[in-house]
C-alpha atoms as a PDB file:
ATOM      1  CA  MET A   1     -44.744  44.104 -24.680  1.00  0.00           C
ATOM      2  CA  GLY A   2     -46.439  47.463 -25.175  1.00  0.00           C
ATOM      3  CA  ALA A   3     -45.542  47.640 -28.866  1.00  0.00           C
ATOM      4  CA  PHE A   4     -46.721  44.086 -29.416  1.00  0.00           C
ATOM      5  CA  ASP A   5     -50.067  44.776 -27.753  1.00  0.00           C
ATOM      6  CA  LYS A   6     -50.487  47.956 -29.790  1.00  0.00           C
ATOM      7  CA  ALA A   7     -49.743  46.106 -33.030  1.00  0.00           C
ATOM      8  CA  LYS A   8     -52.151  43.360 -32.040  1.00  0.00           C
ATOM      9  CA  ASP A   9     -54.887  45.921 -31.366  1.00  0.00           C
ATOM     10  CA  MET A  10     -54.229  47.657 -34.699  1.00  0.00           C
ATOM     11  CA  ALA A  11     -54.402  44.333 -36.559  1.00  0.00           C
ATOM     12  CA  GLY A  12     -57.676  43.525 -34.822  1.00  0.00           C
ATOM     13  CA  GLU A  13     -59.125  46.900 -35.808  1.00  0.00           C
ATOM     14  CA  ALA A  14     -57.995  46.445 -39.415  1.00  0.00           C
ATOM     15  CA  ALA A  15     -59.574  42.993 -39.521  1.00  0.00           C
ATOM     16  CA  GLU A  16     -62.834  44.371 -38.136  1.00  0.00           C
ATOM     17  CA  LYS A  17     -62.881  47.164 -40.738  1.00  0.00           C
ATOM     18  CA  ALA A  18     -62.241  44.659 -43.527  1.00  0.00           C
ATOM     19  CA  LYS A  19     -65.050  42.476 -42.221  1.00  0.00           C
ATOM     20  CA  GLN A  20     -67.434  45.446 -42.182  1.00  0.00           C
ATOM     21  CA  ALA A  21     -66.403  46.466 -45.717  1.00  0.00           C
ATOM     22  CA  ALA A  22     -66.994  42.933 -46.991  1.00  0.00           C
ATOM     23  CA  HIS A  23     -70.421  42.864 -45.366  1.00  0.00           C
ATOM     24  CA  LYS A  24     -71.309  46.236 -46.881  1.00  0.00           C
ATOM     25  CA  ALA A  25     -70.164  45.074 -50.334  1.00  0.00           C
ATOM     26  CA  GLN A  26     -72.273  41.921 -50.035  1.00  0.00           C
ATOM     27  CA  GLN A  27     -75.333  43.978 -49.087  1.00  0.00           C
ATOM     28  CA  SER A  28     -74.719  46.264 -52.043  1.00  0.00           C
ATOM     29  CA  ARG A  29     -74.505  43.301 -54.441  1.00  0.00           C
ATOM     30  CA  GLU A  30     -77.713  41.818 -53.044  1.00  0.00           C
ATOM     31  CA  GLN A  31     -79.500  45.138 -53.324  1.00  0.00           C
ATOM     32  CA  LYS A  32     -78.403  45.556 -56.941  1.00  0.00           C
ATOM     33  CA  GLN A  33     -79.566  42.030 -57.777  1.00  0.00           C
ATOM     34  CA  GLU A  34     -82.974  42.729 -56.267  1.00  0.00           C
ATOM     35  CA  SER A  35     -83.336  45.953 -58.223  1.00  0.00           C
ATOM     36  CA  GLY A  36     -82.324  44.295 -61.500  1.00  0.00           C
ATOM     37  CA  GLN A  37     -78.962  46.001 -61.688  1.00  0.00           C
ATOM     38  CA  ASP A  38     -76.876  42.843 -61.358  1.00  0.00           C
ATOM     39  CA  PRO A  39     -73.599  43.534 -63.195  1.00  0.00           C
ATOM     40  CA  SER A  40     -73.210  39.926 -64.315  1.00  0.00           C
ATOM     41  CA  GLN A  41     -76.715  39.969 -65.786  1.00  0.00           C
ATOM     42  CA  ARG A  42     -75.973  43.215 -67.638  1.00  0.00           C
ATOM     43  CA  ALA A  43     -72.786  41.646 -68.975  1.00  0.00           C
ATOM     44  CA  LYS A  44     -74.704  38.607 -70.227  1.00  0.00           C
ATOM     45  CA  GLU A  45     -77.256  40.844 -71.936  1.00  0.00           C
ATOM     46  CA  GLY A  46     -74.490  42.891 -73.532  1.00  0.00           C
ATOM     47  CA  ALA A  47     -72.802  39.745 -74.823  1.00  0.00           C
ATOM     48  CA  GLU A  48     -76.084  38.523 -76.287  1.00  0.00           C
ATOM     49  CA  GLN A  49     -76.641  41.850 -78.023  1.00  0.00           C
ATOM     50  CA  GLY A  50     -73.111  41.727 -79.420  1.00  0.00           C
ATOM     51  CA  ARG A  51     -73.629  38.210 -80.766  1.00  0.00           C
ATOM     52  CA  ASP A  52     -76.948  39.216 -82.311  1.00  0.00           C
ATOM     53  CA  ARG A  53     -75.341  42.239 -83.950  1.00  0.00           C
ATOM     54  CA  MET A  54     -72.503  40.118 -85.359  1.00  0.00           C
ATOM     55  CA  LYS A  55     -75.007  37.557 -86.697  1.00  0.00           C
ATOM     56  CA  ASP A  56     -77.043  40.311 -88.357  1.00  0.00           C
ATOM     57  CA  ASP A  57     -73.907  41.776 -89.963  1.00  0.00           C
ATOM     58  CA  ARG A  58     -72.878  38.322 -91.217  1.00  0.00           C
ATOM     59  CA  ASP A  59     -76.367  37.732 -92.636  1.00  0.00           C
ATOM     60  CA  GLU A  60     -76.248  41.095 -94.444  1.00  0.00           C
ATOM     61  CA  ARG A  61     -72.878  40.255 -95.997  1.00  0.00           C
ATOM     62  CA  ASP A  62     -74.146  36.854 -97.104  1.00  0.00           C
ATOM     63  CA  ASP A  63     -77.228  38.454 -98.675  1.00  0.00           C
ATOM     64  CA  LYS A  64     -75.059  40.915-100.608  1.00  0.00           C
ATOM     65  CA  ARG A  65     -72.871  38.075-101.881  1.00  0.00           C
ATOM     66  CA  GLU A  66     -75.927  36.163-103.066  1.00  0.00           C
ATOM     67  CA  GLN A  67     -77.218  39.223-104.929  1.00  0.00           C
ATOM     68  CA  ARG A  68     -73.999  39.544-106.901  1.00  0.00           C
END
């Protein structure tokens, strides 16, 4: 029974550490959102900039074709 109890204790400690890490990660995400550093928001902005850049390039090509 000693080995079983030891394994049970180790599993409990690992679960507690995982719980603490998850809580810390959640706090970090919330803090970044409050400070405007939300990664998903930055990704959305980057995608918008990429679409705008592609649209501008397409418009330039169309203008050049019309000039010919």
